[in-house]
Protein backbone atom coordinates (compact mmCIF):
# COMPACT_ATOMS: atom_id res chain seq x y z
CA MET A 1 -0.01 -0.11 0.06
CA THR A 2 1.48 3.42 -1.08
CA GLY A 3 1.28 6.48 1.33
CA GLU A 4 -1.31 7.99 -1.32
CA ALA A 5 -3.35 4.82 -1.25
CA GLU A 6 -3.19 4.89 2.49
CA ARG A 7 -4.64 8.36 2.58
CA MET A 8 -7.37 7.36 0.29
CA ALA A 9 -8.37 4.18 2.06
CA PRO A 10 -11.17 4.53 4.59
CA ILE A 11 -10.03 4.32 8.22
CA ALA A 12 -12.50 1.59 9.01
CA ALA A 13 -11.03 -0.57 6.08
CA ARG A 14 -7.49 -0.02 7.17
CA VAL A 15 -8.30 -0.90 10.70
CA HIS A 16 -9.84 -4.23 9.61
CA LEU A 17 -6.91 -5.08 7.54
CA ALA A 18 -4.44 -4.09 10.33
CA HIS A 19 -6.18 -6.42 12.73
CA ALA A 20 -5.63 -9.24 10.09
CA VAL A 21 -1.96 -8.37 9.81
CA VAL A 22 -1.34 -8.43 13.44
CA GLN A 23 -3.07 -11.82 13.82
CA LYS A 24 -0.98 -13.19 10.82
CA LEU A 25 2.10 -12.04 12.91
CA ALA A 26 0.87 -13.58 16.07
CA GLU A 27 0.42 -16.82 14.25
CA ASN A 28 3.70 -16.87 12.62
CA HIS A 29 5.56 -16.07 15.94
CA GLY A 30 3.46 -18.27 18.29
CA ILE A 31 2.06 -15.17 20.04
CA ASP A 32 -1.12 -15.41 22.23
CA LEU A 33 -3.37 -12.33 21.93
CA LEU A 34 -6.96 -11.26 22.04
CA HIS A 35 -8.42 -8.74 19.70
CA LEU A 36 -10.45 -6.08 21.42
CA LYS A 37 -13.02 -3.26 20.64
CA GLY A 38 -13.76 -1.97 17.04
CA PRO A 39 -14.30 -4.92 14.58
CA ALA A 40 -13.57 -7.46 17.33
CA VAL A 41 -16.82 -6.61 19.15
CA LEU A 42 -19.48 -9.38 18.95
CA PRO A 43 -22.80 -8.44 17.31
CA GLY A 44 -25.27 -6.86 19.54
CA LEU A 45 -22.72 -5.35 21.85
CA ARG A 46 -22.11 -2.10 20.23
CA ALA A 47 -24.14 0.23 18.17
CA GLU A 48 -24.19 -0.25 14.39
CA GLY A 49 -21.99 2.20 12.40
CA ARG A 50 -19.42 2.85 15.17
CA HIS A 51 -15.77 2.51 13.91
CA SER A 52 -12.49 2.52 15.68
CA SER A 53 -9.49 4.38 14.43
CA ASP A 54 -6.82 1.82 15.65
CA VAL A 55 -6.14 -1.74 16.27
CA ASP A 56 -6.47 -2.92 20.19
CA VAL A 57 -4.98 -6.22 21.30
CA LEU A 58 -4.29 -7.68 24.59
CA VAL A 59 -1.19 -9.86 24.48
CA ARG A 60 -0.13 -12.51 26.94
CA PRO A 61 2.50 -10.70 29.05
CA GLY A 62 4.95 -13.35 28.62
CA HIS A 63 4.76 -12.88 24.85
CA LEU A 64 5.06 -9.09 24.85
CA PHE A 65 8.54 -8.77 23.48
CA ARG A 66 7.95 -11.31 20.84
CA LEU A 67 5.02 -9.25 19.64
CA ILE A 68 7.10 -6.13 19.73
CA GLY A 69 9.75 -7.73 17.55
CA ALA A 70 7.21 -9.00 15.12
CA LEU A 71 5.53 -5.64 14.82
CA GLU A 72 8.73 -3.73 14.31
CA SER A 73 10.05 -6.41 11.85
CA VAL A 74 7.34 -5.16 9.26
CA GLY A 75 7.59 -1.34 10.05
CA TRP A 76 5.65 -0.55 13.03
CA GLU A 77 7.42 2.07 15.22
CA GLN A 78 6.87 2.56 18.93
CA ARG A 79 5.39 6.13 19.73
CA THR A 80 4.44 5.69 23.43
CA THR A 81 5.80 3.41 26.24
CA PHE A 82 3.74 1.63 28.88
CA ALA A 83 4.84 4.00 31.49
CA THR A 84 3.68 7.16 29.52
CA GLY A 85 0.73 5.64 27.65
CA SER A 86 -1.83 5.90 30.38
CA VAL A 87 -2.46 6.37 34.09
CA PHE A 88 -2.60 2.48 34.36
CA ALA A 89 0.68 1.94 32.34
CA HIS A 90 -1.44 -0.84 30.75
CA ALA A 91 -0.68 -0.12 26.95
CA ALA A 92 1.77 1.26 24.52
CA ASN A 93 1.34 2.57 20.94
CA TRP A 94 2.91 1.50 17.63
CA TRP A 95 2.45 3.38 14.26
CA HIS A 96 2.80 2.23 10.73
CA ASP A 97 2.63 4.49 7.86
CA ASP A 98 0.38 2.05 5.85
CA TRP A 99 -1.49 0.15 8.64
CA GLY A 100 -1.82 3.04 11.15
CA TRP A 101 -2.00 2.55 15.03
CA VAL A 102 -1.86 -0.52 16.93
CA ASP A 103 -2.56 -0.24 20.76
CA VAL A 104 -0.74 -3.19 22.53
CA HIS A 105 -2.43 -3.98 26.03
CA VAL A 106 -0.74 -6.14 28.66
CA SER A 107 -3.73 -5.41 31.00
CA TRP A 108 -6.94 -3.83 30.92
CA PRO A 109 -7.79 -0.75 33.09
CA GLY A 110 -9.71 -1.81 36.09
CA VAL A 111 -8.46 -5.22 36.38
CA THR A 112 -6.35 -5.76 39.35
CA LEU A 113 -5.56 -9.58 39.13
CA ASP A 114 -2.06 -10.48 38.03
CA ALA A 115 -1.74 -9.68 34.27
CA GLU A 116 -0.79 -13.15 33.23
CA ASP A 117 -3.52 -14.63 35.18
CA ALA A 118 -5.91 -12.16 33.96
CA PHE A 119 -5.10 -12.84 30.24
CA ASP A 120 -5.76 -16.66 31.04
CA VAL A 121 -9.26 -15.69 32.59
CA LEU A 122 -10.28 -13.46 29.58
CA ALA A 123 -8.97 -16.08 26.91
CA ARG A 124 -10.79 -18.78 28.66
CA GLY A 125 -14.09 -18.29 26.75
CA ALA A 126 -12.46 -16.78 23.56
CA VAL A 127 -14.09 -17.25 20.25
CA GLN A 128 -13.02 -16.83 16.72
CA ARG A 129 -14.31 -13.68 14.86
CA SER A 130 -13.47 -13.02 11.19
CA ILE A 131 -12.03 -9.67 10.63
CA ALA A 132 -10.78 -9.01 6.99
CA HIS A 133 -11.40 -12.69 6.16
CA ARG A 134 -9.06 -13.83 9.03
CA ASP A 135 -10.04 -15.55 12.00
CA CYS A 136 -9.04 -13.56 15.08
CA PRO A 137 -9.54 -14.64 18.71
CA VAL A 138 -11.68 -12.43 20.67
CA PRO A 139 -13.06 -12.58 24.23
CA GLY A 140 -16.26 -14.30 24.75
CA ARG A 141 -19.65 -12.17 25.25
CA THR A 142 -19.52 -11.97 28.98
CA ALA A 143 -15.92 -10.74 28.91
CA GLN A 144 -16.64 -8.29 26.15
CA ARG A 145 -19.56 -6.85 28.13
CA LEU A 146 -17.18 -6.13 30.90
CA ILE A 147 -14.37 -4.82 28.74
CA LEU A 148 -16.68 -2.47 27.18
CA VAL A 149 -18.11 -1.23 30.50
CA LEU A 150 -14.60 -0.78 32.05
CA HIS A 151 -13.65 1.16 28.96
CA SER A 152 -16.65 3.46 29.37
CA ALA A 153 -15.79 3.99 33.00
CA ARG A 154 -12.49 5.14 32.27
CA SER A 155 -13.61 7.39 29.35
CA GLY A 156 -16.17 9.31 31.28
CA GLY A 157 -19.15 7.26 29.88
CA THR A 158 -19.98 6.12 26.47
CA ALA A 159 -22.70 4.67 24.57
CA ASP A 160 -21.29 1.14 25.01
CA VAL A 161 -22.92 0.79 28.45
CA ASP A 162 -26.38 0.63 27.02
CA LEU A 163 -26.00 -2.40 24.86
CA ALA A 164 -23.14 -4.02 26.95
CA TRP A 165 -24.86 -3.63 30.23
CA GLU A 166 -28.33 -1.98 30.51
CA GLN A 167 -29.86 -4.08 27.72
CA ALA A 168 -28.21 -7.26 29.22
CA ALA A 169 -30.60 -9.76 30.78
CA PRO A 170 -30.23 -10.05 34.61
CA GLU A 171 -28.59 -13.57 34.18
CA GLU A 172 -25.98 -11.94 31.94
CA GLN A 173 -25.31 -9.07 34.27
CA ASP A 174 -24.66 -11.78 37.05
CA HIS A 175 -22.21 -13.46 34.77
CA VAL A 176 -20.47 -10.03 34.14
CA ARG A 177 -20.39 -9.34 38.00
CA ARG A 178 -18.95 -12.79 38.67
CA LEU A 179 -16.25 -12.15 36.10
CA ALA A 180 -15.33 -8.87 37.45
CA ALA A 181 -14.92 -10.18 40.88
CA GLU A 182 -12.56 -13.04 39.50
CA LEU A 183 -10.63 -10.26 37.76
CA GLY A 184 -10.58 -7.77 40.83
CA ALA A 185 -12.52 -5.37 38.71
CA ASP A 186 -15.43 -4.83 41.02
CA VAL A 187 -14.88 -1.04 41.63
CA ALA A 188 -14.16 -0.26 37.88
CA LEU A 189 -17.39 -2.20 37.03
CA ALA A 190 -19.31 -0.26 39.72
CA ALA A 191 -17.98 3.02 38.12
CA GLY A 192 -19.09 2.16 34.79
CA ILE A 193 -22.84 0.95 35.91
CA GLY A 194 -23.45 3.87 38.30
CA GLU A 195 -22.67 1.98 41.48
CA LEU A 196 -19.33 3.55 42.54
CA GLU A 197 -20.76 5.04 45.79
CA LEU A 198 -20.79 1.62 47.20
CA HIS A 199 -17.10 1.60 47.26
CA ARG A 200 -16.16 4.96 48.94
CA ASN A 201 -13.66 3.27 51.20
CA ASP A 202 -11.68 1.69 48.53
CA PRO A 203 -8.40 3.34 47.66
CA THR A 204 -9.22 3.71 43.90
CA TYR A 205 -12.50 5.35 44.52
CA ALA A 206 -11.26 8.84 43.99
CA LEU A 207 -9.59 7.79 40.75
CA TRP A 208 -12.70 6.12 39.27
CA HIS A 209 -14.83 9.01 40.51
CA HIS A 210 -12.40 11.43 38.65
CA PHE A 211 -12.66 9.36 35.48
CA VAL A 212 -16.47 9.28 35.50
CA HIS A 213 -17.24 12.87 36.61
CA GLY A 214 -14.06 14.83 35.68
CA GLY A 215 -12.26 17.39 37.71
CA SER A 216 -9.03 19.48 37.74
CA ARG A 217 -5.57 18.03 37.27
CA TRP A 218 -5.02 18.57 40.93
CA HIS A 219 -7.90 16.21 41.78
CA GLU A 220 -6.54 13.64 39.23
CA TRP A 221 -3.09 13.59 40.82
CA ARG A 222 -4.55 13.38 44.28
CA ALA A 223 -6.81 10.41 43.25
CA ARG A 224 -3.83 8.75 41.69
CA MET A 225 -1.59 9.25 44.72
CA ALA A 226 -4.35 7.70 46.84
CA ALA A 227 -4.55 4.68 44.47
CA ALA A 228 -0.81 4.09 44.32
CA GLN A 229 0.13 1.13 46.30
CA GLY A 230 3.40 1.44 48.62
CA ALA A 231 5.72 4.17 49.19
CA ARG A 232 7.86 3.50 46.10
CA ALA A 233 4.96 3.88 43.69
CA LYS A 234 3.85 7.14 45.40
CA ALA A 235 7.35 8.43 45.22
CA GLU A 236 7.51 7.53 41.49
CA LEU A 237 4.08 9.21 40.76
CA LEU A 238 5.21 12.30 42.53
CA THR A 239 8.32 12.51 40.31
CA SER A 240 6.35 11.94 37.15
CA ALA A 241 3.62 14.47 38.12
CA MET A 242 5.93 17.25 37.06
CA ARG A 243 7.62 15.60 34.16
CA VAL A 244 6.62 16.45 30.62
CA ASN A 245 5.28 13.41 28.82
CA ARG A 246 7.54 13.46 25.61
CA ASP A 247 5.57 10.69 24.08
CA HIS A 248 2.20 12.65 24.18
CA LEU A 249 4.20 15.78 23.17
CA ARG A 250 5.63 14.06 20.14
CA MET A 251 2.03 12.74 19.23
CA GLU A 252 0.61 16.37 19.52
CA LEU A 253 3.38 17.80 17.33
CA GLY A 254 3.69 15.01 14.75
CA ARG A 255 7.35 14.82 15.16
CA PRO A 256 10.03 14.54 18.04
CA PRO A 257 9.87 17.71 20.16
CA THR A 258 13.01 19.87 20.38
CA ARG A 259 14.66 20.57 23.61
CA GLN A 260 13.28 24.08 23.64
CA GLU A 261 9.82 22.75 23.13
CA VAL A 262 10.11 20.25 25.99
CA ARG A 263 11.56 23.14 28.22
CA ALA A 264 8.75 25.33 27.27
CA ARG A 265 6.23 22.70 27.84
CA GLN A 266 7.69 21.99 31.32
CA VAL A 267 7.60 25.61 32.29
CA LYS A 268 3.79 25.49 31.19
CA ARG A 269 3.23 22.43 33.30
CA VAL A 270 4.90 24.02 36.58
CA ARG A 271 2.98 27.27 36.18
CA ARG A 272 -0.23 25.40 35.74
CA ALA A 273 0.32 23.23 38.83
CA VAL A 274 1.38 26.34 40.88
CA GLY A 275 -1.84 28.09 39.65
CA GLU A 276 -4.11 25.33 40.63
CA LEU A 277 -2.48 25.04 44.03
CA SER A 278 -2.74 28.77 44.63
CA GLU A 279 -6.46 28.72 43.67
CA ARG A 280 -7.14 25.92 46.02
CA VAL A 281 -5.32 27.73 48.79
CA ARG A 282 -7.08 30.99 48.10
CA ARG A 283 -10.49 29.14 48.38
CA SER A 284 -9.48 27.31 51.62
């Protein structure tokens, strides 16, 4: 596919083809993975006509470096690391000029079970779904309901909850609750279905409240600090709070940032933090 053809190809078509390419790489290199969201969603769990702009896969953590090698061997370039990709450090992004974005997940936000064990649980009921005429393993229906609800909770609420949860039969909702309990995702599920207040004493309550209801950066960092487990995790979080996310800045600019741009963004970040802190002191 040439650069010109890529620009002309509909994003949805490119995403379907990219799913198939990633699955072919996985088969060639003996990699266990599950395709998530977008064209991987089973019928009836997502509104018709919705499309994804990237490929999401969950890889068995022990196969991560195998997958990275396979992706990069055919031209995908890493653009974000797991440390900078999200609050949960659960995913990193790769870009290919022809195939676009691939988000590689080693865990799913809200799941607290060990990542290797969690993969086994989610893969337990996996089924095959044809994407661009290639069979791709995807989580079963109950697991997909949970994944969509957790994604909605982290994204501040989406239309996915309607089909994935609200229109599910009570029996199916019970299956989702049991799966969430097995994966240690009770609080995240509660955030997605409007039951978060039942978990006010959980250390992650404030973080999920922020995801669902929003708030200032100050509230976000306070919530992240409360959710961090152990002194080391809290210290690392405090250090990263004032550090510019170079990966995100590169994505924003569309190119690697210069030293001057990093310094300018650092100054802006510090001023913003000081401003929010001063405002809170004034209000107090």
